[in-house]
Amino acid sequence: MIKSQLALNVAGQLLHFRLRVVEKAVDAVLDEIVAALARNDRVELRGFGAFSVKVRSGRIARNPKSGVKVRIAEKRLPVFRPSKEIGRRLNSGSQTPKQFQKPQSH
């Protein structure tokens, strides 16, 4: 699913909002998650999961082709840890709620 499909699905559940408003709301939520991660904050969405930042420290590596030592800078990587609820829904034999079902292709 891409962001525009997510907005369409949400707009389909919230019929009293226009699609443009829902798209702006989805963008605002995603922008706020990214801004919080940039501040090194943890974002927890109960029942969904948690976003955090993992820091991979800098190191000296070797170029496998030439054998030359190369310095690799520190990296900050986004990490997502799903909630137990998502794991339960994915692994249970029961039918998932409509909002979590994959759209049918025609």
Protein backbone atom coordinates (compact mmCIF):
# COMPACT_ATOMS: atom_id res chain seq x y z
CA MET A 1 0.00 0.00 0.00
CA ILE A 2 1.27 3.45 -0.85
CA LYS A 3 0.49 6.72 0.92
CA SER A 4 -2.26 7.73 -1.53
CA GLN A 5 -4.01 4.37 -1.04
CA LEU A 6 -3.76 4.80 2.72
CA ALA A 7 -5.42 8.22 2.43
CA LEU A 8 -8.16 6.76 0.20
CA ASN A 9 -8.86 3.96 2.69
CA VAL A 10 -9.04 6.40 5.61
CA ALA A 11 -11.26 8.77 3.61
CA GLY A 12 -13.55 5.81 2.85
CA GLN A 13 -14.05 5.28 6.58
CA LEU A 14 -14.49 9.00 7.36
CA LEU A 15 -17.13 9.97 4.82
CA HIS A 16 -17.68 13.43 6.33
CA PHE A 17 -14.09 14.49 5.44
CA ARG A 18 -12.91 15.36 1.96
CA LEU A 19 -10.05 13.34 0.50
CA ARG A 20 -7.80 16.43 0.38
CA VAL A 21 -8.25 16.97 4.14
CA VAL A 22 -7.49 13.30 4.87
CA GLU A 23 -4.37 13.46 2.66
CA LYS A 24 -3.16 16.51 4.62
CA ALA A 25 -3.83 14.71 7.91
CA VAL A 26 -1.87 11.63 6.79
CA ASP A 27 1.00 13.87 5.64
CA ALA A 28 0.94 15.74 8.96
CA VAL A 29 1.11 12.52 10.99
CA LEU A 30 3.99 11.14 8.93
CA ASP A 31 5.85 14.48 9.04
CA GLU A 32 5.49 14.60 12.82
CA ILE A 33 6.84 11.05 13.17
CA VAL A 34 9.89 11.99 11.07
CA ALA A 35 10.39 15.24 13.03
CA ALA A 36 10.25 13.35 16.34
CA LEU A 37 12.80 10.82 15.09
CA ALA A 38 15.05 13.67 13.93
CA ARG A 39 14.89 15.01 17.53
CA ASN A 40 15.91 11.50 18.65
CA ASP A 41 12.50 10.98 20.30
CA ARG A 42 10.71 7.64 20.37
CA VAL A 43 7.23 7.52 18.79
CA GLU A 44 4.89 4.92 20.26
CA LEU A 45 1.50 4.23 18.72
CA ARG A 46 -0.30 1.92 21.14
CA GLY A 47 -1.62 -1.20 19.44
CA PHE A 48 0.50 -0.53 16.34
CA GLY A 49 4.18 -0.24 17.25
CA ALA A 50 7.05 2.04 18.12
CA PHE A 51 9.46 4.01 15.95
CA SER A 52 12.91 4.83 17.28
CA VAL A 53 16.39 5.70 16.06
CA LYS A 54 19.31 3.29 16.18
CA VAL A 55 22.79 4.77 16.01
CA ARG A 56 25.36 2.75 14.13
CA SER A 57 28.77 3.99 15.23
CA GLY A 58 31.47 4.96 12.79
CA ARG A 59 34.16 2.41 11.95
CA ILE A 60 37.06 1.60 9.71
CA ALA A 61 36.17 -0.84 6.93
CA ARG A 62 37.97 -2.30 3.95
CA ASN A 63 37.01 -1.86 0.31
CA PRO A 64 36.71 -5.48 -0.87
CA LYS A 65 37.77 -4.65 -4.43
CA SER A 66 40.91 -2.62 -3.71
CA GLY A 67 41.67 -3.57 -0.12
CA VAL A 68 42.00 0.10 0.85
CA LYS A 69 40.84 1.03 4.35
CA VAL A 70 37.83 3.34 4.34
CA ARG A 71 36.36 5.35 7.22
CA ILE A 72 32.59 4.90 7.53
CA ALA A 73 30.81 7.71 9.37
CA GLU A 74 28.26 7.23 12.14
CA LYS A 75 24.73 6.57 10.86
CA ARG A 76 21.31 7.08 12.41
CA LEU A 77 18.76 4.53 11.20
CA PRO A 78 14.99 4.46 11.75
CA VAL A 79 13.75 1.32 13.47
CA PHE A 80 10.17 0.08 13.77
CA ARG A 81 9.11 -2.47 16.34
CA PRO A 82 5.55 -3.77 15.84
CA SER A 83 3.26 -4.21 18.81
CA LYS A 84 2.20 -7.58 20.16
CA GLU A 85 -1.30 -6.79 18.88
CA ILE A 86 -0.08 -6.62 15.27
CA GLY A 87 1.83 -9.87 15.69
CA ARG A 88 -1.27 -11.51 17.14
CA ARG A 89 -3.45 -10.30 14.24
CA LEU A 90 -0.94 -11.42 11.62
CA ASN A 91 -0.49 -14.87 13.13
CA SER A 92 -4.02 -15.68 14.26
CA GLY A 93 -6.25 -17.85 12.13
CA SER A 94 -9.19 -15.48 12.58
CA GLN A 95 -10.31 -12.91 10.04
CA THR A 96 -8.69 -9.51 10.50
CA PRO A 97 -10.83 -6.37 10.77
CA LYS A 98 -11.74 -4.70 7.50
CA GLN A 99 -9.34 -1.76 7.98
CA PHE A 100 -6.39 -4.22 8.06
CA GLN A 101 -7.42 -6.28 5.02
CA LYS A 102 -5.50 -6.02 1.79
CA PRO A 103 -7.60 -4.45 -1.02
CA GLN A 104 -8.83 -6.86 -3.69
CA SER A 105 -7.18 -6.55 -7.14
CA HIS A 106 -9.47 -6.76 -10.15
